[in-house]
Amino acid sequence: VTATDATAFGRNYFNRYSAPETEEDEFADERAEIMEEAAALKKLATDFMHPEVGVTATDATLFGRNYFNRYSAPETEDIEDAEEHACVLADAMALKKSAA
């Protein structure tokens, strides 16, 4: 007579045919790295195509007024233009004196 215990028999749930396939640790790590890189590339592509999406904070100091290029600002001359303007006026005055 042989006695068998019910706990002596077990079923291997990991190697059965209906078990889901498992990956090795190396492949799982590589898959995780690839997914991280893909997420980073997707974020960069989205930021490139829609730069307005990333702006979320607004601060009063972010908005400045350009007092030099506004329409109501007095016109300013470059140094070179001012020097040439002075030379032209000097030549005109010399011509006016010589004509009189």
PDB file of N, CA and C in Angstrom:
ATOM      1  N   VAL A   1       0.856  -1.158   0.000  1.00  0.00           N
ATOM      2  CA  VAL A   1       0.000   0.000   0.000  1.00  0.00           C
ATOM      3  C   VAL A   1       0.908   1.228   0.000  1.00  0.00           C
ATOM      4  N   THR A   2       0.624   2.147  -0.925  1.00  0.00           N
ATOM      5  CA  THR A   2       1.390   3.392  -0.985  1.00  0.00           C
ATOM      6  C   THR A   2       0.464   4.558  -0.654  1.00  0.00           C
ATOM      7  N   ALA A   3       0.969   5.417   0.085  1.00  0.00           N
ATOM      8  CA  ALA A   3       0.198   6.597   0.470  1.00  0.00           C
ATOM      9  C   ALA A   3       0.759   7.797  -0.277  1.00  0.00           C
ATOM     10  N   THR A   4      -0.085   8.587  -0.831  1.00  0.00           N
ATOM     11  CA  THR A   4       0.343   9.809  -1.532  1.00  0.00           C
ATOM     12  C   THR A   4      -0.355  11.004  -0.890  1.00  0.00           C
ATOM     13  N   ASP A   5       0.387  12.020  -0.824  1.00  0.00           N
ATOM     14  CA  ASP A   5      -0.129  13.240  -0.229  1.00  0.00           C
ATOM     15  C   ASP A   5      -0.603  14.152  -1.358  1.00  0.00           C
ATOM     16  N   ALA A   6      -1.679  14.851  -1.187  1.00  0.00           N
ATOM     17  CA  ALA A   6      -2.231  15.739  -2.215  1.00  0.00           C
ATOM     18  C   ALA A   6      -1.309  16.921  -2.488  1.00  0.00           C
ATOM     19  N   THR A   7      -0.494  17.299  -1.508  1.00  0.00           N
ATOM     20  CA  THR A   7       0.402  18.435  -1.714  1.00  0.00           C
ATOM     21  C   THR A   7       1.674  18.045  -2.428  1.00  0.00           C
ATOM     22  N   ALA A   8       1.885  16.775  -2.689  1.00  0.00           N
ATOM     23  CA  ALA A   8       3.087  16.328  -3.381  1.00  0.00           C
ATOM     24  C   ALA A   8       3.006  16.599  -4.868  1.00  0.00           C
ATOM     25  N   PHE A   9       1.825  16.790  -5.389  1.00  0.00           N
ATOM     26  CA  PHE A   9       1.649  17.054  -6.814  1.00  0.00           C
ATOM     27  C   PHE A   9       1.371  18.538  -7.005  1.00  0.00           C
ATOM     28  N   GLY A  10       2.073  19.115  -7.916  1.00  0.00           N
ATOM     29  CA  GLY A  10       1.854  20.532  -8.185  1.00  0.00           C
ATOM     30  C   GLY A  10       1.849  20.773  -9.685  1.00  0.00           C
ATOM     31  N   ARG A  11       1.368  21.914 -10.060  1.00  0.00           N
ATOM     32  CA  ARG A  11       1.312  22.259 -11.474  1.00  0.00           C
ATOM     33  C   ARG A  11       2.231  23.453 -11.697  1.00  0.00           C
ATOM     34  N   ASN A  12       3.053  23.350 -12.741  1.00  0.00           N
ATOM     35  CA  ASN A  12       3.954  24.452 -13.075  1.00  0.00           C
ATOM     36  C   ASN A  12       3.189  25.425 -13.964  1.00  0.00           C
ATOM     37  N   TYR A  13       2.817  26.535 -13.383  1.00  0.00           N
ATOM     38  CA  TYR A  13       2.021  27.516 -14.123  1.00  0.00           C
ATOM     39  C   TYR A  13       2.876  28.375 -15.052  1.00  0.00           C
ATOM     40  N   PHE A  14       4.201  28.296 -14.949  1.00  0.00           N
ATOM     41  CA  PHE A  14       5.072  29.146 -15.754  1.00  0.00           C
ATOM     42  C   PHE A  14       5.511  28.489 -17.053  1.00  0.00           C
ATOM     43  N   ASN A  15       5.596  27.174 -17.099  1.00  0.00           N
ATOM     44  CA  ASN A  15       6.071  26.493 -18.300  1.00  0.00           C
ATOM     45  C   ASN A  15       4.969  25.770 -19.050  1.00  0.00           C
ATOM     46  N   ARG A  16       3.731  25.976 -18.697  1.00  0.00           N
ATOM     47  CA  ARG A  16       2.661  25.299 -19.416  1.00  0.00           C
ATOM     48  C   ARG A  16       2.446  25.983 -20.752  1.00  0.00           C
ATOM     49  N   TYR A  17       1.801  25.325 -21.659  1.00  0.00           N
ATOM     50  CA  TYR A  17       1.623  25.861 -23.010  1.00  0.00           C
ATOM     51  C   TYR A  17       0.702  27.076 -23.044  1.00  0.00           C
ATOM     52  N   SER A  18      -0.239  27.126 -22.153  1.00  0.00           N
ATOM     53  CA  SER A  18      -1.176  28.251 -22.159  1.00  0.00           C
ATOM     54  C   SER A  18      -0.679  29.449 -21.354  1.00  0.00           C
ATOM     55  N   ALA A  19       0.502  29.358 -20.770  1.00  0.00           N
ATOM     56  CA  ALA A  19       1.040  30.467 -19.977  1.00  0.00           C
ATOM     57  C   ALA A  19       1.480  31.591 -20.900  1.00  0.00           C
ATOM     58  N   PRO A  20       1.308  32.846 -20.474  1.00  0.00           N
ATOM     59  CA  PRO A  20       1.800  33.957 -21.310  1.00  0.00           C
ATOM     60  C   PRO A  20       3.331  33.915 -21.386  1.00  0.00           C
ATOM     61  N   GLU A  21       3.828  34.346 -22.523  1.00  0.00           N
ATOM     62  CA  GLU A  21       5.283  34.312 -22.716  1.00  0.00           C
ATOM     63  C   GLU A  21       5.953  35.328 -21.798  1.00  0.00           C
ATOM     64  N   THR A  22       7.079  34.958 -21.251  1.00  0.00           N
ATOM     65  CA  THR A  22       7.833  35.857 -20.386  1.00  0.00           C
ATOM     66  C   THR A  22       9.134  36.222 -21.075  1.00  0.00           C
ATOM     67  N   GLU A  23       9.617  37.418 -20.766  1.00  0.00           N
ATOM     68  CA  GLU A  23      10.868  37.883 -21.352  1.00  0.00           C
ATOM     69  C   GLU A  23      12.001  37.682 -20.360  1.00  0.00           C
ATOM     70  N   GLU A  24      13.169  37.588 -20.936  1.00  0.00           N
ATOM     71  CA  GLU A  24      14.348  37.539 -20.074  1.00  0.00           C
ATOM     72  C   GLU A  24      14.619  38.945 -19.553  1.00  0.00           C
ATOM     73  N   ASP A  25      15.403  39.031 -18.498  1.00  0.00           N
ATOM     74  CA  ASP A  25      15.677  40.332 -17.881  1.00  0.00           C
ATOM     75  C   ASP A  25      16.374  41.283 -18.842  1.00  0.00           C
ATOM     76  N   GLU A  26      17.293  40.778 -19.664  1.00  0.00           N
ATOM     77  CA  GLU A  26      18.012  41.643 -20.603  1.00  0.00           C
ATOM     78  C   GLU A  26      17.054  42.261 -21.609  1.00  0.00           C
ATOM     79  N   PHE A  27      16.133  41.436 -22.137  1.00  0.00           N
ATOM     80  CA  PHE A  27      15.185  41.961 -23.113  1.00  0.00           C
ATOM     81  C   PHE A  27      14.200  42.928 -22.471  1.00  0.00           C
ATOM     82  N   ALA A  28      13.814  42.651 -21.237  1.00  0.00           N
ATOM     83  CA  ALA A  28      12.892  43.552 -20.543  1.00  0.00           C
ATOM     84  C   ALA A  28      13.559  44.900 -20.280  1.00  0.00           C
ATOM     85  N   ASP A  29      14.828  44.897 -19.881  1.00  0.00           N
ATOM     86  CA  ASP A  29      15.545  46.156 -19.652  1.00  0.00           C
ATOM     87  C   ASP A  29      15.699  46.938 -20.948  1.00  0.00           C
ATOM     88  N   GLU A  30      16.037  46.230 -22.021  1.00  0.00           N
ATOM     89  CA  GLU A  30      16.206  46.895 -23.312  1.00  0.00           C
ATOM     90  C   GLU A  30      14.878  47.473 -23.798  1.00  0.00           C
ATOM     91  N   ARG A  31      13.799  46.729 -23.595  1.00  0.00           N
ATOM     92  CA  ARG A  31      12.481  47.222 -23.991  1.00  0.00           C
ATOM     93  C   ARG A  31      12.128  48.482 -23.194  1.00  0.00           C
ATOM     94  N   ALA A  32      12.444  48.507 -21.910  1.00  0.00           N
ATOM     95  CA  ALA A  32      12.166  49.686 -21.084  1.00  0.00           C
ATOM     96  C   ALA A  32      12.967  50.889 -21.560  1.00  0.00           C
ATOM     97  N   GLU A  33      14.229  50.693 -21.912  1.00  0.00           N
ATOM     98  CA  GLU A  33      15.056  51.790 -22.425  1.00  0.00           C
ATOM     99  C   GLU A  33      14.505  52.316 -23.744  1.00  0.00           C
ATOM    100  N   ILE A  34      14.083  51.410 -24.624  1.00  0.00           N
ATOM    101  CA  ILE A  34      13.532  51.818 -25.915  1.00  0.00           C
ATOM    102  C   ILE A  34      12.254  52.620 -25.710  1.00  0.00           C
ATOM    103  N   MET A  35      11.419  52.200 -24.778  1.00  0.00           N
ATOM    104  CA  MET A  35      10.178  52.920 -24.518  1.00  0.00           C
ATOM    105  C   MET A  35      10.460  54.309 -23.932  1.00  0.00           C
ATOM    106  N   GLU A  36      11.479  54.431 -23.085  1.00  0.00           N
ATOM    107  CA  GLU A  36      11.852  55.738 -22.539  1.00  0.00           C
ATOM    108  C   GLU A  36      12.350  56.662 -23.641  1.00  0.00           C
ATOM    109  N   GLU A  37      13.193  56.123 -24.548  1.00  0.00           N
ATOM    110  CA  GLU A  37      13.695  56.934 -25.655  1.00  0.00           C
ATOM    111  C   GLU A  37      12.558  57.352 -26.583  1.00  0.00           C
ATOM    112  N   ALA A  38      11.626  56.453 -26.843  1.00  0.00           N
ATOM    113  CA  ALA A  38      10.493  56.786 -27.702  1.00  0.00           C
ATOM    114  C   ALA A  38       9.634  57.874 -27.070  1.00  0.00           C
ATOM    115  N   ALA A  39       9.433  57.802 -25.760  1.00  0.00           N
ATOM    116  CA  ALA A  39       8.648  58.835 -25.077  1.00  0.00           C
ATOM    117  C   ALA A  39       9.363  60.185 -25.134  1.00  0.00           C
ATOM    118  N   ALA A  40      10.684  60.174 -24.970  1.00  0.00           N
ATOM    119  CA  ALA A  40      11.445  61.429 -25.043  1.00  0.00           C
ATOM    120  C   ALA A  40      11.389  62.019 -26.450  1.00  0.00           C
ATOM    121  N   LEU A  41      11.525  61.163 -27.470  1.00  0.00           N
ATOM    122  CA  LEU A  41      11.438  61.649 -28.849  1.00  0.00           C
ATOM    123  C   LEU A  41      10.051  62.188 -29.166  1.00  0.00           C
ATOM    124  N   LYS A  42       9.029  61.537 -28.652  1.00  0.00           N
ATOM    125  CA  LYS A  42       7.663  62.012 -28.876  1.00  0.00           C
ATOM    126  C   LYS A  42       7.466  63.375 -28.237  1.00  0.00           C
ATOM    127  N   LYS A  43       8.004  63.569 -27.033  1.00  0.00           N
ATOM    128  CA  LYS A  43       7.883  64.863 -26.358  1.00  0.00           C
ATOM    129  C   LYS A  43       8.620  65.944 -27.140  1.00  0.00           C
ATOM    130  N   LEU A  44       9.828  65.631 -27.641  1.00  0.00           N
ATOM    131  CA  LEU A  44      10.577  66.617 -28.428  1.00  0.00           C
ATOM    132  C   LEU A  44       9.849  66.971 -29.715  1.00  0.00           C
ATOM    133  N   ALA A  45       9.276  65.967 -30.376  1.00  0.00           N
ATOM    134  CA  ALA A  45       8.546  66.227 -31.613  1.00  0.00           C
ATOM    135  C   ALA A  45       7.313  67.092 -31.341  1.00  0.00           C
ATOM    136  N   THR A  46       6.626  66.823 -30.256  1.00  0.00           N
ATOM    137  CA  THR A  46       5.459  67.624 -29.902  1.00  0.00           C
ATOM    138  C   THR A  46       5.869  69.050 -29.564  1.00  0.00           C
ATOM    139  N   ASP A  47       6.962  69.209 -28.825  1.00  0.00           N
ATOM    140  CA  ASP A  47       7.446  70.552 -28.491  1.00  0.00           C
ATOM    141  C   ASP A  47       7.862  71.317 -29.736  1.00  0.00           C
ATOM    142  N   PHE A  48       8.433  70.615 -30.717  1.00  0.00           N
ATOM    143  CA  PHE A  48       8.868  71.278 -31.947  1.00  0.00           C
ATOM    144  C   PHE A  48       7.673  71.711 -32.785  1.00  0.00           C
ATOM    145  N   MET A  49       6.681  70.832 -32.905  1.00  0.00           N
ATOM    146  CA  MET A  49       5.534  71.141 -33.755  1.00  0.00           C
ATOM    147  C   MET A  49       4.574  72.141 -33.099  1.00  0.00           C
ATOM    148  N   HIS A  50       4.490  72.128 -31.779  1.00  0.00           N
ATOM    149  CA  HIS A  50       3.575  73.017 -31.069  1.00  0.00           C
ATOM    150  C   HIS A  50       4.321  73.701 -29.921  1.00  0.00           C
ATOM    151  N   PRO A  51       5.103  74.735 -30.211  1.00  0.00           N
ATOM    152  CA  PRO A  51       5.877  75.378 -29.140  1.00  0.00           C
ATOM    153  C   PRO A  51       4.995  76.109 -28.130  1.00  0.00           C
ATOM    154  N   GLU A  52       3.779  76.427 -28.516  1.00  0.00           N
ATOM    155  CA  GLU A  52       2.915  77.153 -27.594  1.00  0.00           C
ATOM    156  C   GLU A  52       2.359  76.260 -26.495  1.00  0.00           C
ATOM    157  N   VAL A  53       2.415  74.958 -26.662  1.00  0.00           N
ATOM    158  CA  VAL A  53       1.839  74.040 -25.680  1.00  0.00           C
ATOM    159  C   VAL A  53       2.644  74.047 -24.387  1.00  0.00           C
ATOM    160  N   GLY A  54       3.948  74.152 -24.469  1.00  0.00           N
ATOM    161  CA  GLY A  54       4.792  74.056 -23.281  1.00  0.00           C
ATOM    162  C   GLY A  54       4.714  75.242 -22.351  1.00  0.00           C
ATOM    163  N   VAL A  55       4.166  76.374 -22.791  1.00  0.00           N
ATOM    164  CA  VAL A  55       4.109  77.571 -21.962  1.00  0.00           C
ATOM    165  C   VAL A  55       2.893  77.469 -21.058  1.00  0.00           C
ATOM    166  N   THR A  56       3.138  77.358 -19.759  1.00  0.00           N
ATOM    167  CA  THR A  56       2.022  77.249 -18.824  1.00  0.00           C
ATOM    168  C   THR A  56       2.017  78.369 -17.806  1.00  0.00           C
ATOM    169  N   ALA A  57       3.159  78.906 -17.449  1.00  0.00           N
ATOM    170  CA  ALA A  57       3.224  79.932 -16.412  1.00  0.00           C
ATOM    171  C   ALA A  57       3.275  81.311 -17.057  1.00  0.00           C
ATOM    172  N   THR A  58       2.538  82.215 -16.486  1.00  0.00           N
ATOM    173  CA  THR A  58       2.614  83.602 -16.922  1.00  0.00           C
ATOM    174  C   THR A  58       2.946  84.450 -15.705  1.00  0.00           C
ATOM    175  N   ASP A  59       3.899  85.317 -15.890  1.00  0.00           N
ATOM    176  CA  ASP A  59       4.353  86.184 -14.816  1.00  0.00           C
ATOM    177  C   ASP A  59       4.359  87.610 -15.353  1.00  0.00           C
ATOM    178  N   ALA A  60       4.067  88.549 -14.524  1.00  0.00           N
ATOM    179  CA  ALA A  60       4.006  89.938 -14.959  1.00  0.00           C
ATOM    180  C   ALA A  60       5.356  90.417 -15.476  1.00  0.00           C
ATOM    181  N   THR A  61       6.442  89.837 -14.976  1.00  0.00           N
ATOM    182  CA  THR A  61       7.763  90.276 -15.423  1.00  0.00           C
ATOM    183  C   THR A  61       8.141  89.682 -16.773  1.00  0.00           C
ATOM    184  N   LEU A  62       7.352  88.738 -17.275  1.00  0.00           N
ATOM    185  CA  LEU A  62       7.652  88.161 -18.584  1.00  0.00           C
ATOM    186  C   LEU A  62       7.268  89.090 -19.719  1.00  0.00           C
ATOM    187  N   PHE A  63       6.338  89.971 -19.455  1.00  0.00           N
ATOM    188  CA  PHE A  63       5.869  90.862 -20.490  1.00  0.00           C
ATOM    189  C   PHE A  63       6.570  92.201 -20.335  1.00  0.00           C
ATOM    190  N   GLY A  64       7.305  92.578 -21.347  1.00  0.00           N
ATOM    191  CA  GLY A  64       8.001  93.847 -21.305  1.00  0.00           C
ATOM    192  C   GLY A  64       7.561  94.699 -22.477  1.00  0.00           C
ATOM    193  N   ARG A  65       7.835  95.964 -22.392  1.00  0.00           N
ATOM    194  CA  ARG A  65       7.472  96.860 -23.471  1.00  0.00           C
ATOM    195  C   ARG A  65       8.746  97.386 -24.098  1.00  0.00           C
ATOM    196  N   ASN A  66       8.805  97.316 -25.406  1.00  0.00           N
ATOM    197  CA  ASN A  66       9.956  97.827 -26.118  1.00  0.00           C
ATOM    198  C   ASN A  66       9.710  99.303 -26.399  1.00  0.00           C
ATOM    199  N   TYR A  67      10.399 100.156 -25.671  1.00  0.00           N
ATOM    200  CA  TYR A  67      10.191 101.588 -25.809  1.00  0.00           C
ATOM    201  C   TYR A  67      10.926 102.170 -27.007  1.00  0.00           C
ATOM    202  N   PHE A  68      11.742 101.384 -27.675  1.00  0.00           N
ATOM    203  CA  PHE A  68      12.530 101.906 -28.783  1.00  0.00           C
ATOM    204  C   PHE A  68      11.899 101.625 -30.135  1.00  0.00           C
ATOM    205  N   ASN A  69      11.132 100.556 -30.267  1.00  0.00           N
ATOM    206  CA  ASN A  69      10.556 100.204 -31.560  1.00  0.00           C
ATOM    207  C   ASN A  69       9.042 100.357 -31.613  1.00  0.00           C
ATOM    208  N   ARG A  70       8.450 100.974 -30.621  1.00  0.00           N
ATOM    209  CA  ARG A  70       7.007 101.152 -30.659  1.00  0.00           C
ATOM    210  C   ARG A  70       6.681 102.278 -31.636  1.00  0.00           C
ATOM    211  N   TYR A  71       5.430 102.343 -32.073  1.00  0.00           N
ATOM    212  CA  TYR A  71       5.032 103.320 -33.081  1.00  0.00           C
ATOM    213  C   TYR A  71       5.084 104.741 -32.556  1.00  0.00           C
ATOM    214  N   SER A  72       4.809 104.927 -31.284  1.00  0.00           N
ATOM    215  CA  SER A  72       4.780 106.284 -30.741  1.00  0.00           C
ATOM    216  C   SER A  72       6.157 106.768 -30.290  1.00  0.00           C
ATOM    217  N   ALA A  73       7.184 105.960 -30.431  1.00  0.00           N
ATOM    218  CA  ALA A  73       8.534 106.361 -30.016  1.00  0.00           C
ATOM    219  C   ALA A  73       9.104 107.353 -31.020  1.00  0.00           C
ATOM    220  N   PRO A  74       9.870 108.307 -30.539  1.00  0.00           N
ATOM    221  CA  PRO A  74      10.507 109.234 -31.495  1.00  0.00           C
ATOM    222  C   PRO A  74      11.534 108.476 -32.339  1.00  0.00           C
ATOM    223  N   GLU A  75      11.639 108.906 -33.586  1.00  0.00           N
ATOM    224  CA  GLU A  75      12.559 108.218 -34.483  1.00  0.00           C
ATOM    225  C   GLU A  75      14.000 108.479 -34.056  1.00  0.00           C
ATOM    226  N   THR A  76      14.801 107.457 -34.117  1.00  0.00           N
ATOM    227  CA  THR A  76      16.210 107.584 -33.760  1.00  0.00           C
ATOM    228  C   THR A  76      17.052 107.276 -34.980  1.00  0.00           C
ATOM    229  N   GLU A  77      18.216 107.887 -35.031  1.00  0.00           N
ATOM    230  CA  GLU A  77      19.125 107.671 -36.145  1.00  0.00           C
ATOM    231  C   GLU A  77      20.334 106.885 -35.662  1.00  0.00           C
ATOM    232  N   ASP A  78      20.889 106.105 -36.583  1.00  0.00           N
ATOM    233  CA  ASP A  78      22.148 105.449 -36.278  1.00  0.00           C
ATOM    234  C   ASP A  78      23.251 106.500 -36.284  1.00  0.00           C
ATOM    235  N   ILE A  79      24.374 106.170 -35.696  1.00  0.00           N
ATOM    236  CA  ILE A  79      25.503 107.112 -35.637  1.00  0.00           C
ATOM    237  C   ILE A  79      26.002 107.429 -37.045  1.00  0.00           C
ATOM    238  N   GLU A  80      26.085 106.409 -37.886  1.00  0.00           N
ATOM    239  CA  GLU A  80      26.560 106.632 -39.260  1.00  0.00           C
ATOM    240  C   GLU A  80      25.607 107.544 -40.020  1.00  0.00           C
ATOM    241  N   ASP A  81      24.297 107.304 -39.860  1.00  0.00           N
ATOM    242  CA  ASP A  81      23.317 108.147 -40.551  1.00  0.00           C
ATOM    243  C   ASP A  81      23.377 109.586 -40.035  1.00  0.00           C
ATOM    244  N   ALA A  82      23.571 109.748 -38.737  1.00  0.00           N
ATOM    245  CA  ALA A  82      23.649 111.096 -38.166  1.00  0.00           C
ATOM    246  C   ALA A  82      24.881 111.828 -38.691  1.00  0.00           C
ATOM    247  N   GLU A  83      26.009 111.124 -38.785  1.00  0.00           N
ATOM    248  CA  GLU A  83      27.220 111.759 -39.308  1.00  0.00           C
ATOM    249  C   GLU A  83      27.045 112.149 -40.773  1.00  0.00           C
ATOM    250  N   GLU A  84      26.430 111.271 -41.556  1.00  0.00           N
ATOM    251  CA  GLU A  84      26.215 111.594 -42.969  1.00  0.00           C
ATOM    252  C   GLU A  84      25.242 112.758 -43.112  1.00  0.00           C
ATOM    253  N   HIS A  85      24.235 112.781 -42.276  1.00  0.00           N
ATOM    254  CA  HIS A  85      23.268 113.880 -42.297  1.00  0.00           C
ATOM    255  C   HIS A  85      23.962 115.204 -41.990  1.00  0.00           C
ATOM    256  N   ALA A  86      24.873 115.194 -41.015  1.00  0.00           N
ATOM    257  CA  ALA A  86      25.615 116.418 -40.670  1.00  0.00           C
ATOM    258  C   ALA A  86      26.515 116.844 -41.830  1.00  0.00           C
ATOM    259  N   CYS A  87      27.148 115.885 -42.503  1.00  0.00           N
ATOM    260  CA  CYS A  87      28.001 116.223 -43.660  1.00  0.00           C
ATOM    261  C   CYS A  87      27.190 116.821 -44.797  1.00  0.00           C
ATOM    262  N   VAL A  88      26.029 116.273 -45.064  1.00  0.00           N
ATOM    263  CA  VAL A  88      25.166 116.791 -46.132  1.00  0.00           C
ATOM    264  C   VAL A  88      24.711 118.205 -45.799  1.00  0.00           C
ATOM    265  N   LEU A  89      24.338 118.432 -44.539  1.00  0.00           N
ATOM    266  CA  LEU A  89      23.932 119.785 -44.156  1.00  0.00           C
ATOM    267  C   LEU A  89      25.103 120.762 -44.256  1.00  0.00           C
ATOM    268  N   ALA A  90      26.302 120.329 -43.894  1.00  0.00           N
ATOM    269  CA  ALA A  90      27.475 121.200 -44.006  1.00  0.00           C
ATOM    270  C   ALA A  90      27.763 121.519 -45.472  1.00  0.00           C
ATOM    271  N   ASP A  91      27.644 120.523 -46.349  1.00  0.00           N
ATOM    272  CA  ASP A  91      27.860 120.777 -47.788  1.00  0.00           C
ATOM    273  C   ASP A  91      26.793 121.736 -48.339  1.00  0.00           C
ATOM    274  N   ALA A  92      25.564 121.585 -47.888  1.00  0.00           N
ATOM    275  CA  ALA A  92      24.489 122.466 -48.346  1.00  0.00           C
ATOM    276  C   ALA A  92      24.750 123.881 -47.890  1.00  0.00           C
ATOM    277  N   MET A  93      25.209 124.058 -46.645  1.00  0.00           N
ATOM    278  CA  MET A  93      25.517 125.408 -46.152  1.00  0.00           C
ATOM    279  C   MET A  93      26.676 126.014 -46.939  1.00  0.00           C
ATOM    280  N   ALA A  94      27.681 125.201 -47.274  1.00  0.00           N
ATOM    281  CA  ALA A  94      28.817 125.720 -48.057  1.00  0.00           C
ATOM    282  C   ALA A  94      28.369 126.125 -49.449  1.00  0.00           C
ATOM    283  N   LEU A  95      27.502 125.328 -50.077  1.00  0.00           N
ATOM    284  CA  LEU A  95      26.981 125.690 -51.396  1.00  0.00           C
ATOM    285  C   LEU A  95      26.131 126.960 -51.327  1.00  0.00           C
ATOM    286  N   LYS A  96      25.367 127.105 -50.248  1.00  0.00           N
ATOM    287  CA  LYS A  96      24.522 128.287 -50.098  1.00  0.00           C
ATOM    288  C   LYS A  96      25.382 129.550 -49.945  1.00  0.00           C
ATOM    289  N   LYS A  97      26.488 129.418 -49.182  1.00  0.00           N
ATOM    290  CA  LYS A  97      27.388 130.570 -49.018  1.00  0.00           C
ATOM    291  C   LYS A  97      28.084 130.922 -50.332  1.00  0.00           C
ATOM    292  N   SER A  98      28.502 129.918 -51.062  1.00  0.00           N
ATOM    293  CA  SER A  98      29.214 130.199 -52.322  1.00  0.00           C
ATOM    294  C   SER A  98      28.268 130.730 -53.377  1.00  0.00           C
ATOM    295  N   ALA A  99      27.000 130.386 -53.311  1.00  0.00           N
ATOM    296  CA  ALA A  99      26.022 130.881 -54.300  1.00  0.00           C
ATOM    297  C   ALA A  99      25.621 132.317 -53.974  1.00  0.00           C
ATOM    298  N   ALA A 100      25.739 132.739 -52.781  1.00  0.00           N
ATOM    299  CA  ALA A 100      25.291 134.079 -52.423  1.00  0.00           C
ATOM    300  C   ALA A 100      26.313 135.116 -52.584  1.00  0.00           C
TER     301      ALA A 100
END
